[in-house]
């Protein structure tokens, strides 16, 4: 038996050693254990002994002294102990499904951008109904909340069916080490709201997130109001309620109007009634890709110089019947321009791009592995952002 905290104790047939860590000086004690010694000599396994420790104040020592006593455990107590151990529930082994996004851990903390009532919160609760939603002021704060273990997951928008991509999310995916472990699609209905008693014709300004303002272009043009961008939709509603702005409206969710006590002047004011925003689910660790259910893989890469290189890069997927669901290009921030020598007209300057691609295949499939292996022949940089189950529900 070895006890190492708060001191060290080695238990043998005759001697115990105790070290006081605060003083660093050992004290050796001899303890006669006839039964232990006798059974060891006869080749039998010694009985189980209980160890009791008592600190005794000694006048002649400047250190506390430990006295030990070893007493055999009665056979009836031993049988009861073994019986109780057999009744303890054993932990269930993890399976591949436990590591996927479909697992709903109770009280999981999910970060989203915005205030309570934001569409990001609705997306988080759609995939994790019992989650503890963690509101964040900016997209980058949500990323860092997961990296610093303040949240378990982050749910952030990546694209909208009528107004396109959320470029900030693309940029942060590259500058942080989080992995995409899932996606969720959310039907977004925008509501025009204001303080109770305020009429639509009295509005002079409308606040909301730039994406929401863009998705409601037609309705805002008819109102003839000034549009002002805000960090998030629910935050705009909260500002109007807290400041008592009577001539200002907000575009947000119906839930935000209920939370902040605003009156909905008109609902579903988006330009296209079937308005869908796709959100990514981000985590510190990737999930294990598998075969047997619809999977999607997201990658980002840069290409070498040369004519037709992009065509060749995309051909590696077409040759293997892999469907591409998204292609997004973003100029590189650290190296925005590419210089190409031209003997006739001097040096040409082109944007140097990052290409984000989503394709319908799991990284567990050989065809996906072979496609990326082939792609490496044409790229200068390649990173897999995640391989995750597709969301086929609305």
Protein backbone atom coordinates (compact mmCIF):
# COMPACT_ATOMS: atom_id res chain seq x y z
CA UNK A 1 0.00 0.00 0.00
CA UNK A 2 1.39 3.43 -0.91
CA UNK A 3 -0.21 6.66 0.28
CA UNK A 4 1.32 9.75 -1.30
CA UNK A 5 -0.80 12.64 0.00
CA UNK A 6 -0.37 14.64 2.11
CA UNK A 7 2.79 12.61 2.86
CA UNK A 8 4.14 9.26 1.71
CA UNK A 9 3.51 5.96 3.42
CA UNK A 10 4.90 2.57 2.38
CA UNK A 11 3.30 -0.41 4.05
CA UNK A 12 5.37 -3.58 4.36
CA UNK A 13 5.52 -6.50 6.77
CA UNK A 14 7.32 -4.63 9.56
CA UNK A 15 7.90 -0.99 8.81
CA UNK A 16 5.97 2.11 7.75
CA UNK A 17 7.49 5.39 6.65
CA UNK A 18 5.72 8.74 6.98
CA UNK A 19 6.97 11.96 5.43
CA UNK A 20 5.73 15.31 6.60
CA UNK A 21 5.69 17.34 3.37
CA UNK A 22 5.60 20.65 5.21
CA UNK A 23 8.92 19.87 6.97
CA UNK A 24 10.49 17.47 4.53
CA UNK A 25 11.90 15.21 7.32
CA UNK A 26 11.08 11.49 7.40
CA UNK A 27 9.88 9.70 10.54
CA UNK A 28 10.24 5.89 10.57
CA UNK A 29 7.88 3.78 12.68
CA UNK A 30 8.11 0.05 13.35
CA UNK A 31 4.78 -1.71 13.59
CA UNK A 32 4.60 -5.40 14.55
CA UNK A 33 2.09 -7.23 12.43
CA UNK A 34 2.31 -10.89 13.43
CA UNK A 35 -0.70 -12.04 11.43
CA UNK A 36 0.56 -10.38 8.25
CA UNK A 37 4.09 -11.78 8.69
CA UNK A 38 2.84 -15.28 9.53
CA UNK A 39 0.58 -15.55 6.49
CA UNK A 40 3.27 -14.19 4.18
CA UNK A 41 5.71 -16.83 5.52
CA UNK A 42 3.21 -19.62 4.86
CA UNK A 43 2.77 -18.49 1.24
CA UNK A 44 -0.83 -17.42 1.69
CA UNK A 45 -2.26 -14.09 0.60
CA UNK A 46 -2.49 -11.73 3.59
CA UNK A 47 -5.90 -10.67 4.77
CA UNK A 48 -7.21 -7.19 4.01
CA UNK A 49 -6.27 -4.73 6.72
CA UNK A 50 -7.74 -1.35 7.54
CA UNK A 51 -5.32 1.50 8.15
CA UNK A 52 -6.04 4.18 10.74
CA UNK A 53 -3.82 7.25 11.20
CA UNK A 54 -3.75 9.40 14.34
CA UNK A 55 -1.59 12.51 14.87
CA UNK A 56 -0.10 12.62 18.38
CA UNK A 57 1.63 15.65 19.82
CA UNK A 58 5.03 14.69 21.24
CA UNK A 59 6.89 16.86 23.69
CA UNK A 60 10.34 15.75 22.53
CA UNK A 61 9.71 16.28 18.82
CA UNK A 62 9.27 19.51 16.95
CA UNK A 63 7.21 17.65 14.36
CA UNK A 64 3.84 15.97 14.74
CA UNK A 65 4.17 12.22 15.11
CA UNK A 66 1.92 9.75 13.37
CA UNK A 67 0.77 6.58 15.08
CA UNK A 68 -0.64 3.77 12.95
CA UNK A 69 -2.74 0.74 13.76
CA UNK A 70 -3.54 -2.11 11.39
CA UNK A 71 -6.70 -4.09 12.13
CA UNK A 72 -8.03 -7.00 10.07
CA UNK A 73 -11.33 -6.38 8.30
CA UNK A 74 -14.01 -8.78 9.60
CA UNK A 75 -15.06 -11.42 7.02
CA UNK A 76 -18.73 -10.35 7.20
CA UNK A 77 -17.80 -6.73 6.35
CA UNK A 78 -15.66 -7.94 3.46
CA UNK A 79 -18.56 -9.89 1.93
CA UNK A 80 -20.93 -6.93 2.30
CA UNK A 81 -18.37 -4.65 0.64
CA UNK A 82 -17.97 -7.01 -2.33
CA UNK A 83 -21.75 -7.27 -2.66
CA UNK A 84 -22.14 -3.47 -2.69
CA UNK A 85 -19.44 -3.14 -5.35
CA UNK A 86 -21.28 -5.61 -7.57
CA UNK A 87 -24.42 -3.46 -7.35
CA UNK A 88 -22.70 -0.24 -8.49
CA UNK A 89 -23.72 0.89 -12.02
CA UNK A 90 -20.94 0.52 -14.54
CA UNK A 91 -20.21 3.31 -17.03
CA UNK A 92 -21.55 2.75 -20.53
CA UNK A 93 -18.81 2.52 -23.19
CA UNK A 94 -18.80 5.33 -25.71
CA UNK A 95 -19.96 4.60 -29.24
CA UNK A 96 -19.42 6.53 -32.45
CA UNK A 97 -22.88 8.08 -32.09
CA UNK A 98 -21.88 9.51 -28.71
CA UNK A 99 -19.16 11.48 -30.47
CA UNK A 100 -21.45 12.95 -33.11
CA UNK A 101 -23.52 16.11 -33.04
CA UNK A 102 -26.67 14.04 -32.52
CA UNK A 103 -25.72 13.42 -28.91
CA UNK A 104 -27.66 15.81 -26.62
CA UNK A 105 -25.67 16.29 -23.45
CA UNK A 106 -27.85 17.82 -20.73
CA UNK A 107 -27.11 21.44 -19.86
CA UNK A 108 -24.64 21.78 -22.72
CA UNK A 109 -23.40 25.37 -23.05
CA UNK A 110 -23.89 26.76 -26.56
CA UNK A 111 -22.51 30.16 -27.56
CA UNK A 112 -24.27 32.31 -30.16
CA UNK A 113 -23.87 35.85 -31.43
CA UNK A 114 -26.40 38.36 -30.20
CA UNK A 115 -28.76 39.00 -27.28
CA UNK A 116 -31.51 36.72 -26.00
CA UNK A 117 -34.16 36.50 -28.68
CA UNK A 118 -31.65 36.46 -31.55
CA UNK A 119 -32.08 33.98 -34.38
CA UNK A 120 -28.78 32.41 -33.31
CA UNK A 121 -30.36 31.44 -30.01
CA UNK A 122 -33.30 29.87 -31.85
CA UNK A 123 -30.87 27.85 -33.99
CA UNK A 124 -28.96 26.70 -30.89
CA UNK A 125 -32.16 25.53 -29.19
CA UNK A 126 -33.33 23.77 -32.34
CA UNK A 127 -30.37 21.42 -32.24
CA UNK A 128 -29.87 21.43 -28.45
CA UNK A 129 -33.34 21.99 -26.90
CA UNK A 130 -32.13 21.78 -23.29
CA UNK A 131 -28.94 23.78 -23.75
CA UNK A 132 -27.67 26.68 -21.69
CA UNK A 133 -27.52 29.41 -24.32
CA UNK A 134 -24.54 31.76 -23.97
CA UNK A 135 -25.06 35.14 -25.71
CA UNK A 136 -21.94 36.79 -27.18
CA UNK A 137 -21.52 40.33 -28.45
CA UNK A 138 -19.50 39.46 -31.59
CA UNK A 139 -18.81 36.42 -33.70
CA UNK A 140 -15.21 36.27 -32.50
CA UNK A 141 -16.33 36.25 -28.85
CA UNK A 142 -18.36 33.10 -29.57
CA UNK A 143 -15.29 31.44 -31.11
CA UNK A 144 -13.14 32.35 -28.10
CA UNK A 145 -15.82 31.23 -25.64
CA UNK A 146 -15.48 27.69 -26.98
CA UNK A 147 -11.69 27.82 -27.16
CA UNK A 148 -11.47 29.00 -23.54
CA UNK A 149 -13.93 26.31 -22.32
CA UNK A 150 -16.57 28.89 -21.41
CA UNK A 151 -18.91 27.11 -23.83
CA UNK A 152 -19.05 23.58 -25.24
CA UNK A 153 -20.30 24.50 -28.71
CA UNK A 154 -20.92 27.59 -30.83
CA UNK A 155 -23.76 28.02 -33.33
CA UNK A 156 -23.04 30.75 -35.89
CA UNK A 157 -24.62 31.67 -39.25
CA UNK A 158 -22.71 30.90 -42.43
CA UNK A 159 -25.15 31.77 -45.25
CA UNK A 160 -28.66 32.95 -45.99
CA UNK A 161 -30.83 31.80 -48.88
CA UNK A 162 -31.65 35.35 -50.05
CA UNK A 163 -28.70 37.50 -49.00
CA UNK A 164 -25.71 35.20 -49.27
CA UNK A 165 -22.76 34.43 -47.02
CA UNK A 166 -21.71 35.67 -43.61
CA UNK A 167 -18.13 36.52 -44.53
CA UNK A 168 -17.07 37.15 -40.95
CA UNK A 169 -17.73 33.52 -40.10
CA UNK A 170 -15.60 32.38 -43.04
CA UNK A 171 -12.69 34.54 -41.93
CA UNK A 172 -12.88 33.36 -38.31
CA UNK A 173 -12.97 29.70 -39.35
CA UNK A 174 -9.53 30.16 -40.83
CA UNK A 175 -8.04 32.18 -37.99
CA UNK A 176 -9.26 29.85 -35.20
CA UNK A 177 -8.80 26.15 -34.54
CA UNK A 178 -12.44 25.13 -34.00
CA UNK A 179 -13.97 22.29 -36.02
CA UNK A 180 -17.33 22.14 -37.77
CA UNK A 181 -19.26 19.26 -36.17
CA UNK A 182 -22.71 19.93 -37.60
CA UNK A 183 -25.13 22.33 -39.25
CA UNK A 184 -28.68 23.49 -38.63
CA UNK A 185 -31.08 25.23 -41.01
CA UNK A 186 -33.51 27.74 -39.58
CA UNK A 187 -36.54 29.34 -41.23
CA UNK A 188 -36.18 33.08 -40.50
CA UNK A 189 -39.24 35.34 -40.31
CA UNK A 190 -38.42 39.00 -39.76
CA UNK A 191 -40.80 41.28 -37.86
CA UNK A 192 -40.95 45.07 -37.84
CA UNK A 193 -41.46 46.22 -34.24
CA UNK A 194 -41.56 49.39 -32.15
CA UNK A 195 -42.65 50.65 -28.74
CA UNK A 196 -46.32 50.03 -27.88
CA UNK A 197 -48.53 52.76 -29.35
CA UNK A 198 -46.09 53.74 -32.10
CA UNK A 199 -47.49 53.48 -35.64
CA UNK A 200 -45.59 52.44 -38.73
CA UNK A 201 -45.87 55.87 -40.36
CA UNK A 202 -44.20 57.49 -37.33
CA UNK A 203 -40.96 55.60 -37.80
CA UNK A 204 -37.96 57.57 -39.02
CA UNK A 205 -35.23 54.99 -38.49
CA UNK A 206 -35.01 51.18 -38.46
CA UNK A 207 -32.22 49.30 -36.67
CA UNK A 208 -31.08 45.75 -37.31
CA UNK A 209 -28.22 43.53 -38.34
CA UNK A 210 -26.92 44.27 -41.88
CA UNK A 211 -28.06 40.83 -43.04
CA UNK A 212 -31.60 41.44 -41.78
CA UNK A 213 -31.72 44.88 -43.41
CA UNK A 214 -30.62 43.31 -46.69
CA UNK A 215 -33.21 40.55 -46.44
CA UNK A 216 -35.99 43.14 -45.99
CA UNK A 217 -34.93 45.54 -48.75
CA UNK A 218 -38.35 45.86 -50.43
CA UNK A 219 -40.33 46.57 -47.25
CA UNK A 220 -37.82 49.15 -46.02
CA UNK A 221 -37.83 50.93 -49.37
CA UNK A 222 -41.60 51.31 -49.15
CA UNK A 223 -41.31 52.73 -45.63
CA UNK A 224 -38.76 55.31 -46.73
CA UNK A 225 -36.90 55.18 -43.43
CA UNK A 226 -33.21 55.54 -42.58
CA UNK A 227 -31.54 52.16 -42.10
CA UNK A 228 -28.95 51.78 -39.37
CA UNK A 229 -26.81 48.70 -38.84
CA UNK A 230 -26.61 47.13 -35.41
CA UNK A 231 -24.63 44.21 -33.97
CA UNK A 232 -27.63 41.88 -33.91
CA UNK A 233 -31.38 41.88 -34.43
CA UNK A 234 -32.39 41.25 -30.82
CA UNK A 235 -29.89 43.86 -29.62
CA UNK A 236 -31.65 46.47 -31.75
CA UNK A 237 -34.97 45.58 -30.13
CA UNK A 238 -33.42 45.78 -26.66
CA UNK A 239 -31.92 49.21 -27.38
CA UNK A 240 -35.28 50.65 -28.44
CA UNK A 241 -36.97 49.28 -25.33
CA UNK A 242 -34.24 50.44 -22.93
CA UNK A 243 -33.90 53.94 -24.42
CA UNK A 244 -37.60 54.46 -25.10
CA UNK A 245 -37.00 55.45 -28.75
CA UNK A 246 -40.46 56.30 -30.03
CA UNK A 247 -39.58 57.05 -33.66
CA UNK A 248 -37.27 54.07 -34.17
CA UNK A 249 -38.20 50.55 -35.23
CA UNK A 250 -36.31 47.30 -35.23
CA UNK A 251 -36.25 44.21 -37.40
CA UNK A 252 -36.00 41.11 -35.24
CA UNK A 253 -37.76 37.89 -34.29
CA UNK A 254 -41.20 37.65 -32.72
CA UNK A 255 -39.51 36.22 -29.64
CA UNK A 256 -37.38 39.37 -29.31
CA UNK A 257 -40.53 41.51 -29.38
CA UNK A 258 -42.01 39.43 -26.58
CA UNK A 259 -38.83 39.54 -24.48
CA UNK A 260 -38.35 43.30 -24.70
CA UNK A 261 -41.99 44.33 -24.65
CA UNK A 262 -42.24 45.73 -28.19
CA UNK A 263 -45.27 45.76 -30.47
CA UNK A 264 -45.07 43.97 -33.82
CA UNK A 265 -46.16 46.36 -36.58
CA UNK A 266 -45.78 43.80 -39.39
CA UNK A 267 -44.52 40.25 -39.51
CA UNK A 268 -42.75 38.31 -42.28
CA UNK A 269 -41.45 41.43 -43.98
CA UNK A 270 -38.51 39.62 -45.65
CA UNK A 271 -38.32 39.93 -49.44
CA UNK A 272 -38.62 36.17 -49.97
CA UNK A 273 -41.11 34.34 -47.77
CA UNK A 274 -39.07 31.12 -47.82
CA UNK A 275 -36.09 32.64 -46.01
CA UNK A 276 -33.55 30.13 -44.64
CA UNK A 277 -30.33 30.74 -42.73
CA UNK A 278 -27.81 27.94 -42.36
CA UNK A 279 -25.83 27.82 -39.11
CA UNK A 280 -22.63 25.93 -38.35
CA UNK A 281 -22.08 24.05 -35.11
CA UNK A 282 -18.49 24.46 -33.91
CA UNK A 283 -16.53 22.55 -31.26
CA UNK A 284 -13.00 22.19 -29.95
CA UNK A 285 -12.65 18.62 -31.23
CA UNK A 286 -13.84 17.10 -34.53
CA UNK A 287 -16.31 14.24 -34.62
CA UNK A 288 -15.54 10.85 -36.11
CA UNK A 289 -16.87 10.78 -39.70
CA UNK A 290 -18.91 7.74 -40.59
CA UNK A 291 -20.70 6.06 -43.47
CA UNK A 292 -24.40 5.27 -43.63
CA UNK A 293 -25.98 8.71 -43.24
CA UNK A 294 -25.75 11.93 -45.29
CA UNK A 295 -22.48 13.68 -44.51
CA UNK A 296 -20.92 16.92 -45.68
CA UNK A 297 -17.29 18.02 -45.61
CA UNK A 298 -16.00 21.61 -45.59
CA UNK A 299 -12.50 22.53 -46.79
CA UNK A 300 -10.52 25.69 -47.57
CA UNK A 301 -7.53 25.91 -49.90
CA UNK A 302 -5.35 28.20 -52.02
CA UNK A 303 -4.11 27.38 -55.50
CA UNK A 304 -0.79 27.50 -57.29
CA UNK A 305 -0.15 29.89 -60.16
CA UNK A 306 -1.12 28.73 -63.62
CA UNK A 307 -3.91 28.66 -66.15
CA UNK A 308 -6.84 26.31 -65.55
CA UNK A 309 -5.74 25.43 -62.01
CA UNK A 310 -9.18 26.09 -60.52
CA UNK A 311 -10.77 23.87 -63.19
CA UNK A 312 -8.34 21.08 -62.34
CA UNK A 313 -9.00 21.49 -58.62
CA UNK A 314 -12.77 21.18 -59.05
CA UNK A 315 -12.38 18.27 -61.47
CA UNK A 316 -11.05 16.02 -58.68
CA UNK A 317 -14.59 15.99 -57.23
CA UNK A 318 -16.43 15.63 -60.53
CA UNK A 319 -14.31 12.62 -61.51
CA UNK A 320 -15.47 10.84 -58.35
CA UNK A 321 -19.15 11.87 -58.59
CA UNK A 322 -18.91 14.08 -55.51
CA UNK A 323 -21.49 16.86 -55.47
CA UNK A 324 -20.34 20.36 -54.50
CA UNK A 325 -22.96 22.25 -52.46
CA UNK A 326 -21.08 25.51 -51.88
CA UNK A 327 -18.17 27.41 -53.45
CA UNK A 328 -17.04 30.63 -51.82
CA UNK A 329 -13.96 32.71 -52.62
CA UNK A 330 -12.41 35.28 -50.29
CA UNK A 331 -9.31 37.41 -50.97
CA UNK A 332 -6.42 36.52 -48.70
CA UNK A 333 -5.90 39.21 -46.11
CA UNK A 334 -2.23 38.54 -45.47
CA UNK A 335 -1.42 38.26 -49.18
CA UNK A 336 -4.18 40.09 -51.07
CA UNK A 337 -2.39 40.45 -54.42
CA UNK A 338 -0.63 38.01 -56.72
CA UNK A 339 2.02 39.46 -59.06
CA UNK A 340 2.46 37.85 -62.46
CA UNK A 341 5.25 38.84 -64.84
CA UNK A 342 4.15 39.91 -68.30
CA UNK A 343 6.93 40.80 -70.72
CA UNK A 344 4.64 42.89 -72.95
CA UNK A 345 2.81 44.99 -70.37
CA UNK A 346 4.92 44.83 -67.22
CA UNK A 347 3.72 43.12 -64.04
CA UNK A 348 0.07 42.11 -63.69
CA UNK A 349 -1.65 42.17 -60.29
CA UNK A 350 -4.48 39.82 -59.35
CA UNK A 351 -6.34 39.08 -56.14
CA UNK A 352 -5.07 35.97 -54.41
CA UNK A 353 -8.06 33.95 -53.20
CA UNK A 354 -9.02 31.47 -50.55
CA UNK A 355 -11.59 28.94 -51.78
CA UNK A 356 -14.15 27.51 -49.37
CA UNK A 357 -15.90 24.39 -50.63
CA UNK A 358 -18.59 22.12 -49.16
CA UNK A 359 -19.08 18.71 -50.76
CA UNK A 360 -21.48 15.86 -50.06
CA UNK A 361 -19.26 13.06 -48.80
CA UNK A 362 -17.84 11.82 -45.55
CA UNK A 363 -14.12 11.76 -44.89
CA UNK A 364 -14.63 8.11 -44.00
CA UNK A 365 -15.30 7.39 -47.69
CA UNK A 366 -12.34 6.41 -49.89
CA UNK A 367 -13.59 8.64 -52.72
CA UNK A 368 -13.39 11.72 -50.47
CA UNK A 369 -9.91 10.74 -49.26
CA UNK A 370 -8.74 10.17 -52.85
CA UNK A 371 -10.23 13.49 -54.00
CA UNK A 372 -8.31 15.46 -51.36
CA UNK A 373 -5.15 13.51 -52.11
CA UNK A 374 -5.54 14.45 -55.77
CA UNK A 375 -6.35 18.07 -54.84
CA UNK A 376 -3.02 18.43 -53.02
CA UNK A 377 -1.29 18.32 -56.42
CA UNK A 378 -2.66 21.78 -57.25
CA UNK A 379 -2.88 23.61 -53.92
CA UNK A 380 -0.42 25.53 -51.82
CA UNK A 381 -2.59 25.26 -48.69
CA UNK A 382 -5.39 22.87 -47.70
CA UNK A 383 -7.35 22.52 -44.48
CA UNK A 384 -10.34 20.37 -43.62
CA UNK A 385 -12.71 22.50 -41.54
CA UNK A 386 -14.96 19.60 -40.64
CA UNK A 387 -16.80 16.49 -41.79
CA UNK A 388 -20.27 16.41 -40.27
CA UNK A 389 -23.85 15.15 -40.65
CA UNK A 390 -26.05 17.15 -43.02
CA UNK A 391 -29.18 18.86 -41.74
CA UNK A 392 -32.01 17.81 -44.04
CA UNK A 393 -34.82 19.26 -41.90
CA UNK A 394 -36.45 22.68 -41.74
